[in-house]
Amino acid sequence: MPTLTDFVIALLQSVVELVINFVDVALNDPLSPLLMLVGGAFIVLSVGMFTYVTLGALAAELGIGVTPGSRGTPSQRE
């Protein structure tokens, strides 16, 4: 039965192999590094925007940074 140590070692070996494979792909063609960078930028941008929207929704639900009347209830007039 594998232990936690065996799992961590296998995980680290897989990460090293993944990096080596990405380097091999990036050095295969002159356009490949650019395509990999653009793809990585799209991933980082989409994950960042999703995180921003999710944290904003969570903050609004908890009432952090919310002004009166912005939660769908009308503000009171004088």
C-alpha atoms as a PDB file:
ATOM      1  CA  MET A   1       0.000   0.000   0.000  1.00  0.00           C
ATOM      2  CA  PRO A   2       1.484   3.362  -0.998  1.00  0.00           C
ATOM      3  CA  THR A   3       2.225   5.843   1.733  1.00  0.00           C
ATOM      4  CA  LEU A   4       1.966   9.599   1.761  1.00  0.00           C
ATOM      5  CA  THR A   5       5.708   9.875   1.192  1.00  0.00           C
ATOM      6  CA  ASP A   6       5.494   7.683  -1.917  1.00  0.00           C
ATOM      7  CA  PHE A   7       2.657   9.847  -3.206  1.00  0.00           C
ATOM      8  CA  VAL A   8       4.599  13.096  -2.683  1.00  0.00           C
ATOM      9  CA  ILE A   9       7.696  11.659  -4.371  1.00  0.00           C
ATOM     10  CA  ALA A  10       5.650  10.454  -7.352  1.00  0.00           C
ATOM     11  CA  LEU A  11       3.939  13.838  -7.578  1.00  0.00           C
ATOM     12  CA  LEU A  12       7.253  15.712  -7.591  1.00  0.00           C
ATOM     13  CA  GLN A  13       8.675  13.358 -10.222  1.00  0.00           C
ATOM     14  CA  SER A  14       5.599  13.979 -12.377  1.00  0.00           C
ATOM     15  CA  VAL A  15       6.038  17.740 -12.065  1.00  0.00           C
ATOM     16  CA  VAL A  16       9.680  17.475 -13.146  1.00  0.00           C
ATOM     17  CA  GLU A  17       8.687  15.309 -16.134  1.00  0.00           C
ATOM     18  CA  LEU A  18       5.959  17.813 -17.030  1.00  0.00           C
ATOM     19  CA  VAL A  19       8.442  20.685 -17.054  1.00  0.00           C
ATOM     20  CA  ILE A  20      10.834  18.675 -19.225  1.00  0.00           C
ATOM     21  CA  ASN A  21       8.024  17.861 -21.675  1.00  0.00           C
ATOM     22  CA  PHE A  22       6.974  21.518 -21.880  1.00  0.00           C
ATOM     23  CA  VAL A  23      10.574  22.571 -22.558  1.00  0.00           C
ATOM     24  CA  ASP A  24      10.853  19.951 -25.305  1.00  0.00           C
ATOM     25  CA  VAL A  25       7.662  21.225 -26.934  1.00  0.00           C
ATOM     26  CA  ALA A  26       8.703  24.869 -26.586  1.00  0.00           C
ATOM     27  CA  LEU A  27      12.083  24.258 -28.219  1.00  0.00           C
ATOM     28  CA  ASN A  28      10.657  22.170 -31.052  1.00  0.00           C
ATOM     29  CA  ASP A  29       9.504  25.080 -33.222  1.00  0.00           C
ATOM     30  CA  PRO A  30      10.361  28.802 -33.211  1.00  0.00           C
ATOM     31  CA  LEU A  31       6.689  29.764 -32.830  1.00  0.00           C
ATOM     32  CA  SER A  32       5.939  27.308 -30.007  1.00  0.00           C
ATOM     33  CA  PRO A  33       7.265  29.436 -27.102  1.00  0.00           C
ATOM     34  CA  LEU A  34       5.134  32.369 -28.225  1.00  0.00           C
ATOM     35  CA  LEU A  35       2.041  30.187 -28.505  1.00  0.00           C
ATOM     36  CA  MET A  36       2.679  28.713 -25.069  1.00  0.00           C
ATOM     37  CA  LEU A  37       3.091  32.186 -23.542  1.00  0.00           C
ATOM     38  CA  VAL A  38      -0.088  33.490 -25.168  1.00  0.00           C
ATOM     39  CA  GLY A  39      -2.008  30.412 -24.021  1.00  0.00           C
ATOM     40  CA  GLY A  40      -0.645  30.804 -20.499  1.00  0.00           C
ATOM     41  CA  ALA A  41      -1.624  34.474 -20.506  1.00  0.00           C
ATOM     42  CA  PHE A  42      -5.192  33.561 -21.507  1.00  0.00           C
ATOM     43  CA  ILE A  43      -5.385  31.009 -18.698  1.00  0.00           C
ATOM     44  CA  VAL A  44      -3.973  33.427 -16.098  1.00  0.00           C
ATOM     45  CA  LEU A  45      -6.296  36.210 -17.259  1.00  0.00           C
ATOM     46  CA  SER A  46      -9.421  34.050 -17.190  1.00  0.00           C
ATOM     47  CA  VAL A  47      -8.623  32.539 -13.786  1.00  0.00           C
ATOM     48  CA  GLY A  48      -7.792  36.002 -12.415  1.00  0.00           C
ATOM     49  CA  MET A  49     -11.050  37.509 -13.664  1.00  0.00           C
ATOM     50  CA  PHE A  50     -13.068  34.572 -12.317  1.00  0.00           C
ATOM     51  CA  THR A  51     -11.373  34.977  -8.933  1.00  0.00           C
ATOM     52  CA  TYR A  52     -12.034  38.735  -8.958  1.00  0.00           C
ATOM     53  CA  VAL A  53     -15.726  38.260  -9.754  1.00  0.00           C
ATOM     54  CA  THR A  54     -16.118  35.458  -7.215  1.00  0.00           C
ATOM     55  CA  LEU A  55     -14.464  37.415  -4.409  1.00  0.00           C
ATOM     56  CA  GLY A  56     -16.538  40.481  -5.332  1.00  0.00           C
ATOM     57  CA  ALA A  57     -19.750  38.483  -5.133  1.00  0.00           C
ATOM     58  CA  LEU A  58     -18.693  36.983  -1.814  1.00  0.00           C
ATOM     59  CA  ALA A  59     -17.812  40.412  -0.427  1.00  0.00           C
ATOM     60  CA  ALA A  60     -21.149  41.826  -1.589  1.00  0.00           C
ATOM     61  CA  GLU A  61     -22.988  38.930   0.028  1.00  0.00           C
ATOM     62  CA  LEU A  62     -21.186  39.566   3.305  1.00  0.00           C
ATOM     63  CA  GLY A  63     -21.832  43.303   3.056  1.00  0.00           C
ATOM     64  CA  ILE A  64     -18.200  44.311   2.684  1.00  0.00           C
ATOM     65  CA  GLY A  65     -17.765  47.489   0.662  1.00  0.00           C
ATOM     66  CA  VAL A  66     -21.471  47.815  -0.046  1.00  0.00           C
ATOM     67  CA  THR A  67     -23.137  51.200   0.098  1.00  0.00           C
ATOM     68  CA  PRO A  68     -26.754  51.525   1.299  1.00  0.00           C
ATOM     69  CA  GLY A  69     -29.172  50.952  -1.532  1.00  0.00           C
ATOM     70  CA  SER A  70     -26.796  48.970  -3.690  1.00  0.00           C
ATOM     71  CA  ARG A  71     -28.073  45.560  -2.554  1.00  0.00           C
ATOM     72  CA  GLY A  72     -31.383  45.891  -4.333  1.00  0.00           C
ATOM     73  CA  THR A  73     -33.155  47.769  -1.552  1.00  0.00           C
ATOM     74  CA  PRO A  74     -34.097  51.319  -2.424  1.00  0.00           C
ATOM     75  CA  SER A  75     -32.356  54.063  -0.514  1.00  0.00           C
ATOM     76  CA  GLN A  76     -34.566  56.131   1.774  1.00  0.00           C
ATOM     77  CA  ARG A  77     -35.488  59.574   0.552  1.00  0.00           C
ATOM     78  CA  GLU A  78     -35.718  62.548   2.798  1.00  0.00           C
END
